Amino acid sequence: MRTSLAIGTISLKLGLLRLSQWSKDFNKYSQCPTYAQVREYSLEITILEIARAIGIPLIIDAATQKRTFGHYARVLVDIDFSRHLF
């Protein structure tokens, strides 16, 4: 069980499977999901827009551009540390 929970997320062909520990009082009707898989047609534009929230995006990782690794996006961002970071 600990090994399975340590994995956390499993990549399936149709999307991601998130694992969490079951509890005795689990009620599927009262669950409020906090994660969502969002697929955008213009992946690069969306990633750059998100990166702009923290700085100036410089380069998107090749694996991200080619969508060969889909767990997360990697972007090199120029951040001005003289400004307040949220």
C-alpha atoms as a PDB file:
ATOM      1  CA  MET A   1       0.000   0.000   0.000  1.00  0.00           C
ATOM      2  CA  ARG A   2       2.773   2.456   0.895  1.00  0.00           C
ATOM      3  CA  THR A   3       4.532   1.756  -2.398  1.00  0.00           C
ATOM      4  CA  SER A   4       1.333   2.349  -4.357  1.00  0.00           C
ATOM      5  CA  LEU A   5       0.559   5.590  -2.529  1.00  0.00           C
ATOM      6  CA  ALA A   6       4.159   6.781  -2.949  1.00  0.00           C
ATOM      7  CA  ILE A   7       3.702   6.579  -6.721  1.00  0.00           C
ATOM      8  CA  GLY A   8       0.872   9.100  -6.423  1.00  0.00           C
ATOM      9  CA  THR A   9       0.022   9.425 -10.107  1.00  0.00           C
ATOM     10  CA  ILE A  10       0.006   6.839 -12.888  1.00  0.00           C
ATOM     11  CA  SER A  11       0.024   7.874 -16.527  1.00  0.00           C
ATOM     12  CA  LEU A  12      -2.589   5.995 -18.529  1.00  0.00           C
ATOM     13  CA  LYS A  13      -3.309   6.331 -22.238  1.00  0.00           C
ATOM     14  CA  LEU A  14      -6.535   8.243 -21.548  1.00  0.00           C
ATOM     15  CA  GLY A  15      -5.122  10.451 -18.787  1.00  0.00           C
ATOM     16  CA  LEU A  16      -3.728  10.371 -15.268  1.00  0.00           C
ATOM     17  CA  LEU A  17      -4.842   8.157 -12.390  1.00  0.00           C
ATOM     18  CA  ARG A  18      -4.303   9.753  -8.983  1.00  0.00           C
ATOM     19  CA  LEU A  19      -4.042   7.467  -5.976  1.00  0.00           C
ATOM     20  CA  SER A  20      -5.037   8.365  -2.426  1.00  0.00           C
ATOM     21  CA  GLN A  21      -5.621   6.457   0.777  1.00  0.00           C
ATOM     22  CA  TRP A  22      -9.139   5.149   1.348  1.00  0.00           C
ATOM     23  CA  SER A  23     -10.948   5.976   4.591  1.00  0.00           C
ATOM     24  CA  LYS A  24     -13.869   4.219   6.301  1.00  0.00           C
ATOM     25  CA  ASP A  25     -16.132   7.256   5.977  1.00  0.00           C
ATOM     26  CA  PHE A  26     -15.471   7.703   2.245  1.00  0.00           C
ATOM     27  CA  ASN A  27     -18.511   8.965   0.362  1.00  0.00           C
ATOM     28  CA  LYS A  28     -18.169   9.366  -3.400  1.00  0.00           C
ATOM     29  CA  TYR A  29     -21.046  11.877  -3.445  1.00  0.00           C
ATOM     30  CA  SER A  30     -19.343  14.281  -1.056  1.00  0.00           C
ATOM     31  CA  GLN A  31     -16.019  14.354  -2.918  1.00  0.00           C
ATOM     32  CA  CYS A  32     -14.927  17.654  -4.385  1.00  0.00           C
ATOM     33  CA  PRO A  33     -12.179  17.076  -6.940  1.00  0.00           C
ATOM     34  CA  THR A  34      -9.299  19.538  -6.735  1.00  0.00           C
ATOM     35  CA  TYR A  35      -7.444  18.321  -9.833  1.00  0.00           C
ATOM     36  CA  ALA A  36      -8.438  18.422 -13.471  1.00  0.00           C
ATOM     37  CA  GLN A  37      -6.689  17.392 -16.647  1.00  0.00           C
ATOM     38  CA  VAL A  38      -6.851  20.174 -19.167  1.00  0.00           C
ATOM     39  CA  ARG A  39      -5.824  19.669 -22.749  1.00  0.00           C
ATOM     40  CA  GLU A  40      -5.449  22.779 -24.820  1.00  0.00           C
ATOM     41  CA  TYR A  41      -5.120  22.854 -28.585  1.00  0.00           C
ATOM     42  CA  SER A  42      -2.427  25.522 -28.514  1.00  0.00           C
ATOM     43  CA  LEU A  43      -0.252  23.972 -25.793  1.00  0.00           C
ATOM     44  CA  GLU A  44       2.711  26.301 -26.350  1.00  0.00           C
ATOM     45  CA  ILE A  45       0.634  29.488 -26.114  1.00  0.00           C
ATOM     46  CA  THR A  46      -1.049  28.268 -22.931  1.00  0.00           C
ATOM     47  CA  ILE A  47       2.251  27.316 -21.270  1.00  0.00           C
ATOM     48  CA  LEU A  48       3.812  30.670 -22.155  1.00  0.00           C
ATOM     49  CA  GLU A  49       0.797  32.501 -20.741  1.00  0.00           C
ATOM     50  CA  ILE A  50       1.099  30.619 -17.441  1.00  0.00           C
ATOM     51  CA  ALA A  51       4.874  31.235 -17.299  1.00  0.00           C
ATOM     52  CA  ARG A  52       4.340  34.995 -17.843  1.00  0.00           C
ATOM     53  CA  ALA A  53       2.627  35.098 -14.444  1.00  0.00           C
ATOM     54  CA  ILE A  54       6.036  34.704 -12.767  1.00  0.00           C
ATOM     55  CA  GLY A  55       8.455  36.204 -15.284  1.00  0.00           C
ATOM     56  CA  ILE A  56       9.541  36.278 -18.906  1.00  0.00           C
ATOM     57  CA  PRO A  57       9.384  32.848 -20.573  1.00  0.00           C
ATOM     58  CA  LEU A  58      12.520  32.152 -22.612  1.00  0.00           C
ATOM     59  CA  ILE A  59      12.476  28.543 -23.817  1.00  0.00           C
ATOM     60  CA  ILE A  60      10.030  25.639 -23.684  1.00  0.00           C
ATOM     61  CA  ASP A  61      11.646  22.232 -23.151  1.00  0.00           C
ATOM     62  CA  ALA A  62      11.847  20.058 -26.306  1.00  0.00           C
ATOM     63  CA  ALA A  63       9.983  17.172 -24.632  1.00  0.00           C
ATOM     64  CA  THR A  64       7.203  19.596 -23.709  1.00  0.00           C
ATOM     65  CA  GLN A  65       6.966  20.970 -27.245  1.00  0.00           C
ATOM     66  CA  LYS A  66       6.909  17.502 -28.812  1.00  0.00           C
ATOM     67  CA  ARG A  67       4.577  16.185 -26.081  1.00  0.00           C
ATOM     68  CA  THR A  68       6.819  13.174 -25.475  1.00  0.00           C
ATOM     69  CA  PHE A  69       6.510  13.511 -21.692  1.00  0.00           C
ATOM     70  CA  GLY A  70       3.115  14.633 -20.441  1.00  0.00           C
ATOM     71  CA  HIS A  71       3.306  14.767 -16.647  1.00  0.00           C
ATOM     72  CA  TYR A  72       4.391  18.396 -16.499  1.00  0.00           C
ATOM     73  CA  ALA A  73       5.676  21.208 -18.686  1.00  0.00           C
ATOM     74  CA  ARG A  74       9.188  22.600 -18.386  1.00  0.00           C
ATOM     75  CA  VAL A  75       9.842  26.237 -19.238  1.00  0.00           C
ATOM     76  CA  LEU A  76      12.918  28.390 -18.672  1.00  0.00           C
ATOM     77  CA  VAL A  77      11.671  31.640 -17.134  1.00  0.00           C
ATOM     78  CA  ASP A  78      13.638  34.839 -16.495  1.00  0.00           C
ATOM     79  CA  ILE A  79      12.579  36.078 -13.037  1.00  0.00           C
ATOM     80  CA  ASP A  80      13.341  39.519 -11.629  1.00  0.00           C
ATOM     81  CA  PHE A  81      14.291  38.821  -8.001  1.00  0.00           C
ATOM     82  CA  SER A  82      14.254  42.505  -7.121  1.00  0.00           C
ATOM     83  CA  ARG A  83      10.447  42.367  -7.337  1.00  0.00           C
ATOM     84  CA  HIS A  84       8.142  40.707  -4.823  1.00  0.00           C
ATOM     85  CA  LEU A  85       7.516  37.025  -5.609  1.00  0.00           C
ATOM     86  CA  PHE A  86       4.096  35.681  -4.712  1.00  0.00           C
END
